[in-house]
C-alpha cells in the first residue's frame, strides 16, 4: 500500500482498516454498481468541499466528476480545481470505473485529493 499524498496517509491512519473495509463493503451493497470514494482536501486547498465519503457512478468520466464538483462549490472561472489519485492527475476522459480498478486501495475505497489554484489573470 503506497500513498504519495500526506492527506491520504493521515486519513488512513485515523481510521482502523477493518472499519474502512466495512464501510466500503456496505457502500457497495447499498449502492450497487457505484464506486466507494473518499474525497480529501489538500492541505493548501481553501474550498469548502462536499461530504468526504460518497458513491460515484462508475460510468462517469473524471471530467464529469470535476464539472459536478465545480458546480457544487460554485467556483469562479478563474479558479482551478484539480483531483489527484495517488499523486497523479488522471486524464479527463478516464472512466471512474477504470480508475477504481487501477487505483483502489485494499480497504475498497478510491481516494481522491482535491487541490486548487487561482489564476490572477493577465498583468
PDB file of N, CA and C in Angstrom:
ATOM      1  N   UNK A   1       0.855  -1.170   0.000  1.00  0.00           N
ATOM      2  CA  UNK A   1       0.000   0.000   0.000  1.00  0.00           C
ATOM      3  C   UNK A   1       0.896   1.226   0.000  1.00  0.00           C
ATOM      4  N   UNK A   2       0.823   1.981  -1.088  1.00  0.00           N
ATOM      5  CA  UNK A   2       1.669   3.160  -1.233  1.00  0.00           C
ATOM      6  C   UNK A   2       0.800   4.396  -1.397  1.00  0.00           C
ATOM      7  N   UNK A   3       0.961   5.340  -0.494  1.00  0.00           N
ATOM      8  CA  UNK A   3       0.226   6.590  -0.576  1.00  0.00           C
ATOM      9  C   UNK A   3       1.220   7.709  -0.731  1.00  0.00           C
ATOM     10  N   UNK A   4       1.095   8.434  -1.837  1.00  0.00           N
ATOM     11  CA  UNK A   4       2.017   9.519  -2.086  1.00  0.00           C
ATOM     12  C   UNK A   4       1.549  10.825  -1.443  1.00  0.00           C
ATOM     13  N   UNK A   5       0.273  10.932  -1.153  1.00  0.00           N
ATOM     14  CA  UNK A   5      -0.272  12.164  -0.591  1.00  0.00           C
ATOM     15  C   UNK A   5      -0.361  12.052   0.924  1.00  0.00           C
ATOM     16  N   UNK A   6       0.171  13.025   1.625  1.00  0.00           N
ATOM     17  CA  UNK A   6       0.166  13.026   3.089  1.00  0.00           C
ATOM     18  C   UNK A   6      -1.268  13.053   3.622  1.00  0.00           C
ATOM     19  N   UNK A   7      -2.169  13.712   2.891  1.00  0.00           N
ATOM     20  CA  UNK A   7      -3.560  13.812   3.325  1.00  0.00           C
ATOM     21  C   UNK A   7      -4.208  12.427   3.406  1.00  0.00           C
ATOM     22  N   UNK A   8      -3.902  11.575   2.439  1.00  0.00           N
ATOM     23  CA  UNK A   8      -4.454  10.215   2.424  1.00  0.00           C
ATOM     24  C   UNK A   8      -3.833   9.401   3.556  1.00  0.00           C
ATOM     25  N   UNK A   9      -2.542   9.547   3.756  1.00  0.00           N
ATOM     26  CA  UNK A   9      -1.877   8.827   4.851  1.00  0.00           C
ATOM     27  C   UNK A   9      -2.501   9.174   6.192  1.00  0.00           C
ATOM     28  N   UNK A  10      -2.741  10.457   6.414  1.00  0.00           N
ATOM     29  CA  UNK A  10      -3.330  10.887   7.683  1.00  0.00           C
ATOM     30  C   UNK A  10      -4.740  10.333   7.861  1.00  0.00           C
ATOM     31  N   UNK A  11      -5.536  10.344   6.794  1.00  0.00           N
ATOM     32  CA  UNK A  11      -6.901   9.812   6.881  1.00  0.00           C
ATOM     33  C   UNK A  11      -6.868   8.318   7.202  1.00  0.00           C
ATOM     34  N   UNK A  12      -6.035   7.582   6.496  1.00  0.00           N
ATOM     35  CA  UNK A  12      -5.945   6.131   6.688  1.00  0.00           C
ATOM     36  C   UNK A  12      -5.472   5.791   8.098  1.00  0.00           C
ATOM     37  N   UNK A  13      -4.542   6.576   8.629  1.00  0.00           N
ATOM     38  CA  UNK A  13      -4.054   6.323   9.980  1.00  0.00           C
ATOM     39  C   UNK A  13      -5.089   6.668  11.043  1.00  0.00           C
ATOM     40  N   UNK A  14      -6.049   7.536  10.710  1.00  0.00           N
ATOM     41  CA  UNK A  14      -7.038   7.973  11.701  1.00  0.00           C
ATOM     42  C   UNK A  14      -8.199   6.990  11.878  1.00  0.00           C
ATOM     43  N   UNK A  15      -8.388   6.069  10.927  1.00  0.00           N
ATOM     44  CA  UNK A  15      -9.499   5.115  10.993  1.00  0.00           C
ATOM     45  C   UNK A  15      -8.942   3.705  10.795  1.00  0.00           C
ATOM     46  N   UNK A  16      -9.267   2.770  11.684  1.00  0.00           N
ATOM     47  CA  UNK A  16      -8.752   1.398  11.547  1.00  0.00           C
ATOM     48  C   UNK A  16      -9.157   0.753  10.217  1.00  0.00           C
ATOM     49  N   UNK A  17      -8.281  -0.101   9.703  1.00  0.00           N
ATOM     50  CA  UNK A  17      -8.508  -0.765   8.417  1.00  0.00           C
ATOM     51  C   UNK A  17      -9.841  -1.502   8.386  1.00  0.00           C
ATOM     52  N   UNK A  18     -10.151  -2.262   9.434  1.00  0.00           N
ATOM     53  CA  UNK A  18     -11.377  -3.057   9.453  1.00  0.00           C
ATOM     54  C   UNK A  18     -12.613  -2.180   9.326  1.00  0.00           C
ATOM     55  N   UNK A  19     -12.588  -1.019   9.973  1.00  0.00           N
ATOM     56  CA  UNK A  19     -13.724  -0.083   9.901  1.00  0.00           C
ATOM     57  C   UNK A  19     -13.865   0.483   8.490  1.00  0.00           C
ATOM     58  N   UNK A  20     -12.748   0.843   7.859  1.00  0.00           N
ATOM     59  CA  UNK A  20     -12.790   1.364   6.490  1.00  0.00           C
ATOM     60  C   UNK A  20     -13.267   0.301   5.520  1.00  0.00           C
ATOM     61  N   UNK A  21     -12.797  -0.937   5.694  1.00  0.00           N
ATOM     62  CA  UNK A  21     -13.222  -2.035   4.834  1.00  0.00           C
ATOM     63  C   UNK A  21     -14.720  -2.299   4.985  1.00  0.00           C
ATOM     64  N   UNK A  22     -15.208  -2.267   6.219  1.00  0.00           N
ATOM     65  CA  UNK A  22     -16.632  -2.479   6.472  1.00  0.00           C
ATOM     66  C   UNK A  22     -17.469  -1.373   5.814  1.00  0.00           C
ATOM     67  N   UNK A  23     -17.018  -0.133   5.904  1.00  0.00           N
ATOM     68  CA  UNK A  23     -17.747   0.992   5.295  1.00  0.00           C
ATOM     69  C   UNK A  23     -17.809   0.864   3.779  1.00  0.00           C
ATOM     70  N   UNK A  24     -16.685   0.540   3.155  1.00  0.00           N
ATOM     71  CA  UNK A  24     -16.677   0.434   1.693  1.00  0.00           C
ATOM     72  C   UNK A  24     -17.528  -0.743   1.226  1.00  0.00           C
ATOM     73  N   UNK A  25     -17.485  -1.847   1.958  1.00  0.00           N
ATOM     74  CA  UNK A  25     -18.303  -3.017   1.611  1.00  0.00           C
ATOM     75  C   UNK A  25     -19.784  -2.673   1.724  1.00  0.00           C
ATOM     76  N   UNK A  26     -20.159  -1.987   2.791  1.00  0.00           N
ATOM     77  CA  UNK A  26     -21.558  -1.596   2.982  1.00  0.00           C
ATOM     78  C   UNK A  26     -22.009  -0.617   1.901  1.00  0.00           C
ATOM     79  N   UNK A  27     -21.136   0.288   1.510  1.00  0.00           N
ATOM     80  CA  UNK A  27     -21.470   1.240   0.448  1.00  0.00           C
ATOM     81  C   UNK A  27     -21.696   0.522  -0.879  1.00  0.00           C
ATOM     82  N   UNK A  28     -20.883  -0.495  -1.179  1.00  0.00           N
ATOM     83  CA  UNK A  28     -21.063  -1.252  -2.419  1.00  0.00           C
ATOM     84  C   UNK A  28     -22.357  -2.048  -2.389  1.00  0.00           C
ATOM     85  N   UNK A  29     -22.753  -2.545  -1.221  1.00  0.00           N
ATOM     86  CA  UNK A  29     -24.015  -3.290  -1.082  1.00  0.00           C
ATOM     87  C   UNK A  29     -25.194  -2.339  -1.251  1.00  0.00           C
ATOM     88  N   UNK A  30     -25.129  -1.191  -0.587  1.00  0.00           N
ATOM     89  CA  UNK A  30     -26.237  -0.220  -0.626  1.00  0.00           C
ATOM     90  C   UNK A  30     -26.377   0.463  -1.982  1.00  0.00           C
ATOM     91  N   UNK A  31     -25.288   0.621  -2.689  1.00  0.00           N
ATOM     92  CA  UNK A  31     -25.280   1.352  -3.969  1.00  0.00           C
ATOM     93  C   UNK A  31     -24.687   0.474  -5.061  1.00  0.00           C
ATOM     94  N   UNK A  32     -25.439  -0.521  -5.486  1.00  0.00           N
ATOM     95  CA  UNK A  32     -24.961  -1.468  -6.496  1.00  0.00           C
ATOM     96  C   UNK A  32     -24.465  -0.738  -7.749  1.00  0.00           C
ATOM     97  N   UNK A  33     -23.303  -1.127  -8.218  1.00  0.00           N
ATOM     98  CA  UNK A  33     -22.743  -0.556  -9.438  1.00  0.00           C
ATOM     99  C   UNK A  33     -22.044   0.772  -9.252  1.00  0.00           C
ATOM    100  N   UNK A  34     -21.938   1.237  -8.014  1.00  0.00           N
ATOM    101  CA  UNK A  34     -21.268   2.508  -7.766  1.00  0.00           C
ATOM    102  C   UNK A  34     -19.950   2.267  -7.030  1.00  0.00           C
ATOM    103  N   UNK A  35     -19.084   3.258  -7.116  1.00  0.00           N
ATOM    104  CA  UNK A  35     -17.740   3.163  -6.572  1.00  0.00           C
ATOM    105  C   UNK A  35     -17.664   3.908  -5.238  1.00  0.00           C
ATOM    106  N   UNK A  36     -17.185   3.261  -4.175  1.00  0.00           N
ATOM    107  CA  UNK A  36     -16.995   3.983  -2.911  1.00  0.00           C
ATOM    108  C   UNK A  36     -15.729   4.832  -2.981  1.00  0.00           C
ATOM    109  N   UNK A  37     -15.889   6.109  -2.674  1.00  0.00           N
ATOM    110  CA  UNK A  37     -14.758   7.032  -2.778  1.00  0.00           C
ATOM    111  C   UNK A  37     -14.680   7.927  -1.551  1.00  0.00           C
ATOM    112  N   UNK A  38     -13.482   8.381  -1.278  1.00  0.00           N
ATOM    113  CA  UNK A  38     -13.219   9.331  -0.207  1.00  0.00           C
ATOM    114  C   UNK A  38     -12.602  10.568  -0.860  1.00  0.00           C
ATOM    115  N   UNK A  39     -13.216  11.725  -0.630  1.00  0.00           N
ATOM    116  CA  UNK A  39     -12.722  12.994  -1.154  1.00  0.00           C
ATOM    117  C   UNK A  39     -12.046  13.747  -0.012  1.00  0.00           C
ATOM    118  N   UNK A  40     -10.761  14.035  -0.196  1.00  0.00           N
ATOM    119  CA  UNK A  40      -9.969  14.676   0.847  1.00  0.00           C
ATOM    120  C   UNK A  40      -9.400  15.979   0.295  1.00  0.00           C
ATOM    121  N   UNK A  41      -9.441  17.036   1.095  1.00  0.00           N
ATOM    122  CA  UNK A  41      -8.856  18.313   0.697  1.00  0.00           C
ATOM    123  C   UNK A  41      -7.350  18.278   0.889  1.00  0.00           C
ATOM    124  N   UNK A  42      -6.633  18.821  -0.091  1.00  0.00           N
ATOM    125  CA  UNK A  42      -5.191  19.009   0.074  1.00  0.00           C
ATOM    126  C   UNK A  42      -4.968  20.045   1.165  1.00  0.00           C
ATOM    127  N   UNK A  43      -3.823  19.993   1.801  1.00  0.00           N
ATOM    128  CA  UNK A  43      -3.513  20.919   2.890  1.00  0.00           C
ATOM    129  C   UNK A  43      -3.675  22.381   2.456  1.00  0.00           C
ATOM    130  N   UNK A  44      -3.346  22.679   1.222  1.00  0.00           N
ATOM    131  CA  UNK A  44      -3.387  24.063   0.737  1.00  0.00           C
ATOM    132  C   UNK A  44      -4.755  24.476   0.196  1.00  0.00           C
ATOM    133  N   UNK A  45      -5.681  23.565   0.083  1.00  0.00           N
ATOM    134  CA  UNK A  45      -6.988  23.850  -0.518  1.00  0.00           C
ATOM    135  C   UNK A  45      -7.884  24.607   0.458  1.00  0.00           C
ATOM    136  N   UNK A  46      -8.468  25.702  -0.022  1.00  0.00           N
ATOM    137  CA  UNK A  46      -9.348  26.519   0.819  1.00  0.00           C
ATOM    138  C   UNK A  46     -10.820  26.369   0.457  1.00  0.00           C
ATOM    139  N   UNK A  47     -11.135  25.561  -0.545  1.00  0.00           N
ATOM    140  CA  UNK A  47     -12.524  25.378  -0.960  1.00  0.00           C
ATOM    141  C   UNK A  47     -13.296  24.574   0.075  1.00  0.00           C
ATOM    142  N   UNK A  48     -14.581  24.855   0.162  1.00  0.00           N
ATOM    143  CA  UNK A  48     -15.461  24.064   1.009  1.00  0.00           C
ATOM    144  C   UNK A  48     -15.982  22.921   0.139  1.00  0.00           C
ATOM    145  N   UNK A  49     -15.541  21.716   0.437  1.00  0.00           N
ATOM    146  CA  UNK A  49     -15.881  20.561  -0.395  1.00  0.00           C
ATOM    147  C   UNK A  49     -17.091  19.817   0.159  1.00  0.00           C
ATOM    148  N   UNK A  50     -17.746  19.039  -0.717  1.00  0.00           N
ATOM    149  CA  UNK A  50     -18.895  18.247  -0.277  1.00  0.00           C
ATOM    150  C   UNK A  50     -18.473  17.145   0.691  1.00  0.00           C
ATOM    151  N   UNK A  51     -19.421  16.325   1.068  1.00  0.00           N
ATOM    152  CA  UNK A  51     -19.168  15.246   2.018  1.00  0.00           C
ATOM    153  C   UNK A  51     -17.920  14.476   1.638  1.00  0.00           C
ATOM    154  N   UNK A  52     -17.264  13.962   2.623  1.00  0.00           N
ATOM    155  CA  UNK A  52     -15.984  13.293   2.404  1.00  0.00           C
ATOM    156  C   UNK A  52     -16.145  11.908   1.779  1.00  0.00           C
ATOM    157  N   UNK A  53     -17.175  11.196   2.161  1.00  0.00           N
ATOM    158  CA  UNK A  53     -17.361   9.817   1.715  1.00  0.00           C
ATOM    159  C   UNK A  53     -18.599   9.772   0.822  1.00  0.00           C
ATOM    160  N   UNK A  54     -18.472   9.219  -0.396  1.00  0.00           N
ATOM    161  CA  UNK A  54     -19.622   9.158  -1.286  1.00  0.00           C
ATOM    162  C   UNK A  54     -19.454   8.040  -2.306  1.00  0.00           C
ATOM    163  N   UNK A  55     -20.549   7.738  -3.003  1.00  0.00           N
ATOM    164  CA  UNK A  55     -20.554   6.727  -4.057  1.00  0.00           C
ATOM    165  C   UNK A  55     -20.635   7.429  -5.408  1.00  0.00           C
ATOM    166  N   UNK A  56     -19.822   6.972  -6.349  1.00  0.00           N
ATOM    167  CA  UNK A  56     -19.748   7.583  -7.672  1.00  0.00           C
ATOM    168  C   UNK A  56     -20.203   6.566  -8.709  1.00  0.00           C
ATOM    169  N   UNK A  57     -20.929   7.036  -9.705  1.00  0.00           N
ATOM    170  CA  UNK A  57     -21.309   6.191 -10.833  1.00  0.00           C
ATOM    171  C   UNK A  57     -20.048   5.859 -11.626  1.00  0.00           C
ATOM    172  N   UNK A  58     -19.777   4.594 -11.822  1.00  0.00           N
ATOM    173  CA  UNK A  58     -18.557   4.156 -12.493  1.00  0.00           C
ATOM    174  C   UNK A  58     -18.471   4.557 -13.950  1.00  0.00           C
ATOM    175  N   UNK A  59     -19.612   4.872 -14.574  1.00  0.00           N
ATOM    176  CA  UNK A  59     -19.583   5.264 -15.986  1.00  0.00           C
ATOM    177  C   UNK A  59     -19.203   6.734 -16.179  1.00  0.00           C
ATOM    178  N   UNK A  60     -19.161   7.492 -15.082  1.00  0.00           N
ATOM    179  CA  UNK A  60     -18.740   8.900 -15.170  1.00  0.00           C
ATOM    180  C   UNK A  60     -17.278   8.984 -15.569  1.00  0.00           C
ATOM    181  N   UNK A  61     -16.941  10.083 -16.205  1.00  0.00           N
ATOM    182  CA  UNK A  61     -15.531  10.345 -16.503  1.00  0.00           C
ATOM    183  C   UNK A  61     -14.975  11.285 -15.443  1.00  0.00           C
ATOM    184  N   UNK A  62     -13.686  11.406 -15.416  1.00  0.00           N
ATOM    185  CA  UNK A  62     -13.038  12.328 -14.482  1.00  0.00           C
ATOM    186  C   UNK A  62     -13.492  13.755 -14.766  1.00  0.00           C
ATOM    187  N   UNK A  63     -13.668  14.092 -16.037  1.00  0.00           N
ATOM    188  CA  UNK A  63     -14.147  15.422 -16.411  1.00  0.00           C
ATOM    189  C   UNK A  63     -15.538  15.694 -15.866  1.00  0.00           C
ATOM    190  N   UNK A  64     -16.419  14.694 -15.912  1.00  0.00           N
ATOM    191  CA  UNK A  64     -17.776  14.837 -15.370  1.00  0.00           C
ATOM    192  C   UNK A  64     -17.731  15.053 -13.867  1.00  0.00           C
ATOM    193  N   UNK A  65     -16.863  14.333 -13.187  1.00  0.00           N
ATOM    194  CA  UNK A  65     -16.726  14.490 -11.743  1.00  0.00           C
ATOM    195  C   UNK A  65     -16.228  15.901 -11.400  1.00  0.00           C
ATOM    196  N   UNK A  66     -15.219  16.375 -12.127  1.00  0.00           N
ATOM    197  CA  UNK A  66     -14.712  17.730 -11.899  1.00  0.00           C
ATOM    198  C   UNK A  66     -15.799  18.771 -12.151  1.00  0.00           C
ATOM    199  N   UNK A  67     -16.588  18.583 -13.207  1.00  0.00           N
ATOM    200  CA  UNK A  67     -17.681  19.510 -13.508  1.00  0.00           C
ATOM    201  C   UNK A  67     -18.683  19.539 -12.359  1.00  0.00           C
ATOM    202  N   UNK A  68     -19.053  18.359 -11.851  1.00  0.00           N
ATOM    203  CA  UNK A  68     -20.011  18.279 -10.741  1.00  0.00           C
ATOM    204  C   UNK A  68     -19.452  18.941  -9.484  1.00  0.00           C
ATOM    205  N   UNK A  69     -18.182  18.711  -9.184  1.00  0.00           N
ATOM    206  CA  UNK A  69     -17.563  19.331  -8.008  1.00  0.00           C
ATOM    207  C   UNK A  69     -17.495  20.850  -8.155  1.00  0.00           C
ATOM    208  N   UNK A  70     -17.114  21.331  -9.340  1.00  0.00           N
ATOM    209  CA  UNK A  70     -17.052  22.781  -9.580  1.00  0.00           C
ATOM    210  C   UNK A  70     -18.425  23.412  -9.394  1.00  0.00           C
ATOM    211  N   UNK A  71     -19.454  22.738  -9.897  1.00  0.00           N
ATOM    212  CA  UNK A  71     -20.817  23.253  -9.782  1.00  0.00           C
ATOM    213  C   UNK A  71     -21.263  23.269  -8.321  1.00  0.00           C
ATOM    214  N   UNK A  72     -20.915  22.243  -7.580  1.00  0.00           N
ATOM    215  CA  UNK A  72     -21.328  22.135  -6.183  1.00  0.00           C
ATOM    216  C   UNK A  72     -20.702  23.228  -5.315  1.00  0.00           C
ATOM    217  N   UNK A  73     -19.423  23.541  -5.564  1.00  0.00           N
ATOM    218  CA  UNK A  73     -18.752  24.524  -4.710  1.00  0.00           C
ATOM    219  C   UNK A  73     -18.717  25.920  -5.336  1.00  0.00           C
ATOM    220  N   UNK A  74     -19.412  26.120  -6.431  1.00  0.00           N
ATOM    221  CA  UNK A  74     -19.584  27.431  -7.064  1.00  0.00           C
ATOM    222  C   UNK A  74     -18.253  28.120  -7.338  1.00  0.00           C
ATOM    223  N   UNK A  75     -17.418  27.487  -8.131  1.00  0.00           N
ATOM    224  CA  UNK A  75     -16.122  28.098  -8.444  1.00  0.00           C
ATOM    225  C   UNK A  75     -16.243  29.175  -9.509  1.00  0.00           C
ATOM    226  N   UNK A  76     -15.407  30.193  -9.395  1.00  0.00           N
ATOM    227  CA  UNK A  76     -15.318  31.238 -10.412  1.00  0.00           C
ATOM    228  C   UNK A  76     -14.532  30.679 -11.600  1.00  0.00           C
ATOM    229  N   UNK A  77     -14.703  31.289 -12.785  1.00  0.00           N
ATOM    230  CA  UNK A  77     -13.939  30.821 -13.954  1.00  0.00           C
ATOM    231  C   UNK A  77     -12.429  30.918 -13.765  1.00  0.00           C
ATOM    232  N   UNK A  78     -11.973  31.800 -12.882  1.00  0.00           N
ATOM    233  CA  UNK A  78     -10.530  31.974 -12.670  1.00  0.00           C
ATOM    234  C   UNK A  78      -9.972  30.998 -11.642  1.00  0.00           C
ATOM    235  N   UNK A  79     -10.826  30.180 -11.036  1.00  0.00           N
ATOM    236  CA  UNK A  79     -10.381  29.236 -10.013  1.00  0.00           C
ATOM    237  C   UNK A  79     -10.279  27.830 -10.611  1.00  0.00           C
ATOM    238  N   UNK A  80      -9.167  27.192 -10.351  1.00  0.00           N
ATOM    239  CA  UNK A  80      -8.939  25.852 -10.861  1.00  0.00           C
ATOM    240  C   UNK A  80      -9.156  24.806  -9.782  1.00  0.00           C
ATOM    241  N   UNK A  81      -9.590  23.636 -10.203  1.00  0.00           N
ATOM    242  CA  UNK A  81      -9.785  22.520  -9.286  1.00  0.00           C
ATOM    243  C   UNK A  81      -9.084  21.310  -9.878  1.00  0.00           C
ATOM    244  N   UNK A  82      -8.265  20.665  -9.074  1.00  0.00           N
ATOM    245  CA  UNK A  82      -7.504  19.507  -9.509  1.00  0.00           C
ATOM    246  C   UNK A  82      -7.812  18.350  -8.574  1.00  0.00           C
ATOM    247  N   UNK A  83      -7.987  17.160  -9.134  1.00  0.00           N
ATOM    248  CA  UNK A  83      -8.230  15.970  -8.332  1.00  0.00           C
ATOM    249  C   UNK A  83      -7.115  14.972  -8.621  1.00  0.00           C
ATOM    250  N   UNK A  84      -6.394  14.630  -7.570  1.00  0.00           N
ATOM    251  CA  UNK A  84      -5.287  13.691  -7.666  1.00  0.00           C
ATOM    252  C   UNK A  84      -5.713  12.324  -7.164  1.00  0.00           C
ATOM    253  N   UNK A  85      -5.200  11.310  -7.814  1.00  0.00           N
ATOM    254  CA  UNK A  85      -5.338   9.941  -7.331  1.00  0.00           C
ATOM    255  C   UNK A  85      -3.922   9.394  -7.241  1.00  0.00           C
ATOM    256  N   UNK A  86      -3.487   9.069  -6.024  1.00  0.00           N
ATOM    257  CA  UNK A  86      -2.111   8.598  -5.782  1.00  0.00           C
ATOM    258  C   UNK A  86      -1.084   9.521  -6.430  1.00  0.00           C
ATOM    259  N   UNK A  87      -1.226  10.806  -6.193  1.00  0.00           N
ATOM    260  CA  UNK A  87      -0.284  11.822  -6.670  1.00  0.00           C
ATOM    261  C   UNK A  87      -0.221  11.916  -8.193  1.00  0.00           C
ATOM    262  N   UNK A  88      -1.291  11.511  -8.857  1.00  0.00           N
ATOM    263  CA  UNK A  88      -1.374  11.557 -10.306  1.00  0.00           C
ATOM    264  C   UNK A  88      -2.622  12.328 -10.705  1.00  0.00           C
ATOM    265  N   UNK A  89      -2.513  13.146 -11.739  1.00  0.00           N
ATOM    266  CA  UNK A  89      -3.684  13.808 -12.298  1.00  0.00           C
ATOM    267  C   UNK A  89      -4.217  12.930 -13.425  1.00  0.00           C
ATOM    268  N   UNK A  90      -5.355  12.255 -13.200  1.00  0.00           N
ATOM    269  CA  UNK A  90      -5.882  11.392 -14.255  1.00  0.00           C
ATOM    270  C   UNK A  90      -6.393  12.211 -15.441  1.00  0.00           C
ATOM    271  N   UNK A  91      -6.393  11.604 -16.614  1.00  0.00           N
ATOM    272  CA  UNK A  91      -6.912  12.261 -17.809  1.00  0.00           C
ATOM    273  C   UNK A  91      -8.414  12.481 -17.641  1.00  0.00           C
ATOM    274  N   UNK A  92      -8.915  13.568 -18.204  1.00  0.00           N
ATOM    275  CA  UNK A  92     -10.322  13.930 -18.047  1.00  0.00           C
ATOM    276  C   UNK A  92     -11.272  12.929 -18.690  1.00  0.00           C
ATOM    277  N   UNK A  93     -10.817  12.196 -19.704  1.00  0.00           N
ATOM    278  CA  UNK A  93     -11.694  11.227 -20.358  1.00  0.00           C
ATOM    279  C   UNK A  93     -11.618   9.832 -19.723  1.00  0.00           C
ATOM    280  N   UNK A  94     -10.896   9.695 -18.616  1.00  0.00           N
ATOM    281  CA  UNK A  94     -10.786   8.407 -17.917  1.00  0.00           C
ATOM    282  C   UNK A  94     -12.099   8.085 -17.215  1.00  0.00           C
ATOM    283  N   UNK A  95     -12.592   6.869 -17.424  1.00  0.00           N
ATOM    284  CA  UNK A  95     -13.799   6.433 -16.711  1.00  0.00           C
ATOM    285  C   UNK A  95     -13.430   6.119 -15.266  1.00  0.00           C
ATOM    286  N   UNK A  96     -14.315   6.513 -14.354  1.00  0.00           N
ATOM    287  CA  UNK A  96     -14.043   6.298 -12.932  1.00  0.00           C
ATOM    288  C   UNK A  96     -13.982   4.813 -12.591  1.00  0.00           C
ATOM    289  N   UNK A  97     -14.740   3.978 -13.286  1.00  0.00           N
ATOM    290  CA  UNK A  97     -14.666   2.530 -13.041  1.00  0.00           C
ATOM    291  C   UNK A  97     -13.266   2.011 -13.356  1.00  0.00           C
ATOM    292  N   UNK A  98     -12.662   2.510 -14.424  1.00  0.00           N
ATOM    293  CA  UNK A  98     -11.300   2.096 -14.784  1.00  0.00           C
ATOM    294  C   UNK A  98     -10.285   2.607 -13.764  1.00  0.00           C
ATOM    295  N   UNK A  99     -10.466   3.856 -13.330  1.00  0.00           N
ATOM    296  CA  UNK A  99      -9.573   4.415 -12.316  1.00  0.00           C
ATOM    297  C   UNK A  99      -9.700   3.652 -11.000  1.00  0.00           C
ATOM    298  N   UNK A 100     -10.927   3.253 -10.668  1.00  0.00           N
ATOM    299  CA  UNK A 100     -11.155   2.487  -9.440  1.00  0.00           C
ATOM    300  C   UNK A 100     -10.408   1.155  -9.496  1.00  0.00           C
ATOM    301  N   UNK A 101     -10.538   0.448 -10.597  1.00  0.00           N
ATOM    302  CA  UNK A 101      -9.856  -0.847 -10.724  1.00  0.00           C
ATOM    303  C   UNK A 101      -8.342  -0.699 -10.655  1.00  0.00           C
ATOM    304  N   UNK A 102      -7.837   0.394 -11.169  1.00  0.00           N
ATOM    305  CA  UNK A 102      -6.389   0.602 -11.188  1.00  0.00           C
ATOM    306  C   UNK A 102      -5.846   1.130  -9.858  1.00  0.00           C
ATOM    307  N   UNK A 103      -6.612   2.010  -9.182  1.00  0.00           N
ATOM    308  CA  UNK A 103      -6.079   2.718  -8.021  1.00  0.00           C
ATOM    309  C   UNK A 103      -6.770   2.431  -6.692  1.00  0.00           C
ATOM    310  N   UNK A 104      -7.756   1.560  -6.659  1.00  0.00           N
ATOM    311  CA  UNK A 104      -8.450   1.321  -5.386  1.00  0.00           C
ATOM    312  C   UNK A 104      -7.476   0.768  -4.349  1.00  0.00           C
ATOM    313  N   UNK A 105      -7.787   1.079  -3.113  1.00  0.00           N
ATOM    314  CA  UNK A 105      -6.948   0.620  -2.011  1.00  0.00           C
ATOM    315  C   UNK A 105      -7.466  -0.717  -1.480  1.00  0.00           C
ATOM    316  N   UNK A 106      -6.691  -1.329  -0.618  1.00  0.00           N
ATOM    317  CA  UNK A 106      -7.062  -2.617  -0.034  1.00  0.00           C
ATOM    318  C   UNK A 106      -8.357  -2.532   0.762  1.00  0.00           C
ATOM    319  N   UNK A 107      -8.669  -1.334   1.264  1.00  0.00           N
ATOM    320  CA  UNK A 107      -9.895  -1.160   2.044  1.00  0.00           C
ATOM    321  C   UNK A 107     -11.130  -0.980   1.155  1.00  0.00           C
ATOM    322  N   UNK A 108     -10.954  -0.946  -0.162  1.00  0.00           N
ATOM    323  CA  UNK A 108     -12.079  -0.855  -1.094  1.00  0.00           C
ATOM    324  C   UNK A 108     -12.438   0.555  -1.518  1.00  0.00           C
ATOM    325  N   UNK A 109     -11.755   1.565  -1.021  1.00  0.00           N
ATOM    326  CA  UNK A 109     -12.054   2.946  -1.382  1.00  0.00           C
ATOM    327  C   UNK A 109     -11.111   3.458  -2.469  1.00  0.00           C
ATOM    328  N   UNK A 110     -11.619   4.394  -3.251  1.00  0.00           N
ATOM    329  CA  UNK A 110     -10.802   5.172  -4.170  1.00  0.00           C
ATOM    330  C   UNK A 110     -10.590   6.519  -3.495  1.00  0.00           C
ATOM    331  N   UNK A 111      -9.343   6.885  -3.224  1.00  0.00           N
ATOM    332  CA  UNK A 111      -9.025   8.127  -2.526  1.00  0.00           C
ATOM    333  C   UNK A 111      -8.729   9.228  -3.535  1.00  0.00           C
ATOM    334  N   UNK A 112      -9.481  10.326  -3.437  1.00  0.00           N
ATOM    335  CA  UNK A 112      -9.340  11.481  -4.315  1.00  0.00           C
ATOM    336  C   UNK A 112      -8.898  12.674  -3.469  1.00  0.00           C
ATOM    337  N   UNK A 113      -7.853  13.356  -3.889  1.00  0.00           N
ATOM    338  CA  UNK A 113      -7.367  14.527  -3.163  1.00  0.00           C
ATOM    339  C   UNK A 113      -7.590  15.754  -4.041  1.00  0.00           C
ATOM    340  N   UNK A 114      -8.335  16.732  -3.504  1.00  0.00           N
ATOM    341  CA  UNK A 114      -8.649  17.960  -4.237  1.00  0.00           C
ATOM    342  C   UNK A 114      -7.680  19.070  -3.869  1.00  0.00           C
ATOM    343  N   UNK A 115      -7.207  19.761  -4.887  1.00  0.00           N
ATOM    344  CA  UNK A 115      -6.328  20.913  -4.708  1.00  0.00           C
ATOM    345  C   UNK A 115      -6.837  22.019  -5.620  1.00  0.00           C
ATOM    346  N   UNK A 116      -6.349  23.230  -5.411  1.00  0.00           N
ATOM    347  CA  UNK A 116      -6.793  24.333  -6.260  1.00  0.00           C
ATOM    348  C   UNK A 116      -5.656  25.282  -6.576  1.00  0.00           C
ATOM    349  N   UNK A 117      -5.952  26.114  -7.561  1.00  0.00           N
ATOM    350  CA  UNK A 117      -5.032  27.170  -7.942  1.00  0.00           C
ATOM    351  C   UNK A 117      -5.882  28.283  -8.515  1.00  0.00           C
ATOM    352  N   UNK A 118      -5.583  29.508  -8.129  1.00  0.00           N
ATOM    353  CA  UNK A 118      -6.342  30.640  -8.646  1.00  0.00           C
ATOM    354  C   UNK A 118      -5.511  31.355  -9.692  1.00  0.00           C
ATOM    355  N   UNK A 119      -6.135  31.631 -10.831  1.00  0.00           N
ATOM    356  CA  UNK A 119      -5.475  32.366 -11.906  1.00  0.00           C
ATOM    357  C   UNK A 119      -5.736  33.845 -11.691  1.00  0.00           C
ATOM    358  N   UNK A 120      -4.676  34.606 -11.489  1.00  0.00           N
ATOM    359  CA  UNK A 120      -4.820  36.042 -11.231  1.00  0.00           C
ATOM    360  C   UNK A 120      -5.072  36.829 -12.508  1.00  0.00           C
ATOM    361  N   UNK A 121      -5.039  36.166 -13.640  1.00  0.00           N
ATOM    362  CA  UNK A 121      -5.286  36.865 -14.908  1.00  0.00           C
ATOM    363  C   UNK A 121      -4.011  37.488 -15.454  1.00  0.00           C
ATOM    364  N   UNK A 122      -4.178  38.200 -16.548  1.00  0.00           N
ATOM    365  CA  UNK A 122      -3.027  38.840 -17.195  1.00  0.00           C
ATOM    366  C   UNK A 122      -2.680  40.131 -16.492  1.00  0.00           C
ATOM    367  N   UNK A 123      -1.396  40.440 -16.455  1.00  0.00           N
ATOM    368  CA  UNK A 123      -0.930  41.673 -15.798  1.00  0.00           C
ATOM    369  C   UNK A 123      -0.839  42.774 -16.828  1.00  0.00           C
TER     370      UNK A 123
END
